[in-house]
């Protein structure tokens, strides 16, 4: 049985190809400034929660998305918030 021939592609427009590679590495993260980062008081006994469910879900999503440990994710999110100028 003969080997199938592999397809070869010839890039002719290097400027578009280079721009496409740069866009592939782009990262955009939106933070809603209206999001409540602090937890609402529960009114129950015991220690009150610090962060809202939405804030925890945001951090855990980034943890899984980028494959980081929890402490790395904490530092990553803190740096993102500092870059955006949000005081959460």
Protein backbone atom coordinates (compact mmCIF):
# COMPACT_ATOMS: atom_id res chain seq x y z
CA UNK A 1 0.00 0.00 0.00
CA UNK A 2 1.42 3.40 -0.94
CA UNK A 3 1.71 6.36 1.42
CA UNK A 4 -0.74 9.20 0.90
CA UNK A 5 0.89 12.34 -0.37
CA UNK A 6 0.92 15.19 2.11
CA UNK A 7 -0.51 18.51 1.12
CA UNK A 8 1.86 21.44 1.01
CA UNK A 9 0.67 24.97 1.41
CA UNK A 10 2.56 27.93 0.11
CA UNK A 11 2.13 31.21 1.97
CA UNK A 12 2.00 34.08 -0.45
CA UNK A 13 0.84 36.97 1.72
CA UNK A 14 3.29 37.07 4.63
CA UNK A 15 1.93 40.32 6.09
CA UNK A 16 -1.56 38.82 6.57
CA UNK A 17 -0.10 35.56 7.85
CA UNK A 18 2.03 37.40 10.42
CA UNK A 19 -0.94 39.53 11.54
CA UNK A 20 -3.07 36.40 11.96
CA UNK A 21 -0.40 34.79 14.14
CA UNK A 22 -0.24 37.91 16.30
CA UNK A 23 -4.04 37.97 16.71
CA UNK A 24 -3.98 34.33 17.78
CA UNK A 25 -1.86 35.29 20.79
CA UNK A 26 -4.07 38.20 21.80
CA UNK A 27 -5.80 38.08 25.17
CA UNK A 28 -8.83 40.17 26.10
CA UNK A 29 -10.58 39.90 29.44
CA UNK A 30 -13.60 42.04 30.30
CA UNK A 31 -14.46 42.94 33.87
CA UNK A 32 -17.88 44.42 34.48
CA UNK A 33 -17.39 47.43 36.77
CA UNK A 34 -20.94 46.90 38.08
CA UNK A 35 -20.08 43.41 39.36
CA UNK A 36 -20.27 43.10 43.13
CA UNK A 37 -16.92 41.64 44.21
CA UNK A 38 -17.71 41.62 47.94
CA UNK A 39 -20.10 39.10 49.46
CA UNK A 40 -23.44 40.18 50.84
CA UNK A 41 -23.91 39.62 54.58
CA UNK A 42 -25.75 36.35 55.16
CA UNK A 43 -27.14 37.14 58.60
CA UNK A 44 -26.10 33.71 59.88
CA UNK A 45 -23.74 32.90 62.70
CA UNK A 46 -20.07 32.38 62.06
CA UNK A 47 -17.50 34.11 59.94
CA UNK A 48 -18.92 36.18 57.10
CA UNK A 49 -17.91 35.45 53.53
CA UNK A 50 -15.37 37.75 51.92
CA UNK A 51 -16.04 37.37 48.19
CA UNK A 52 -19.23 37.00 46.16
CA UNK A 53 -20.08 33.84 44.24
CA UNK A 54 -19.46 35.69 40.96
CA UNK A 55 -15.95 36.68 42.06
CA UNK A 56 -15.11 33.11 43.07
CA UNK A 57 -16.53 31.73 39.81
CA UNK A 58 -14.45 34.23 37.82
CA UNK A 59 -11.23 33.20 39.58
CA UNK A 60 -11.94 29.48 39.24
CA UNK A 61 -12.73 29.88 35.54
CA UNK A 62 -9.37 31.56 34.96
CA UNK A 63 -7.66 28.86 37.02
CA UNK A 64 -9.04 26.09 34.82
CA UNK A 65 -8.65 28.06 31.59
CA UNK A 66 -4.95 28.78 32.09
CA UNK A 67 -4.09 25.63 34.08
CA UNK A 68 -2.70 27.48 37.09
CA UNK A 69 -2.51 26.63 40.75
CA UNK A 70 -4.82 28.50 43.13
CA UNK A 71 -2.12 30.86 44.47
CA UNK A 72 -0.95 31.64 40.95
CA UNK A 73 -4.55 32.41 39.99
CA UNK A 74 -4.89 34.74 42.96
CA UNK A 75 -1.81 36.69 41.89
CA UNK A 76 -2.95 36.70 38.27
CA UNK A 77 -6.39 38.09 39.11
CA UNK A 78 -4.90 40.67 41.49
CA UNK A 79 -2.56 41.89 38.76
CA UNK A 80 -5.41 42.06 36.24
CA UNK A 81 -7.51 44.12 38.63
CA UNK A 82 -4.55 46.41 39.29
CA UNK A 83 -4.01 46.87 35.53
CA UNK A 84 -7.66 47.72 34.93
CA UNK A 85 -7.73 50.16 37.82
CA UNK A 86 -10.66 48.47 39.57
CA UNK A 87 -10.50 48.72 43.34
CA UNK A 88 -12.25 45.50 44.32
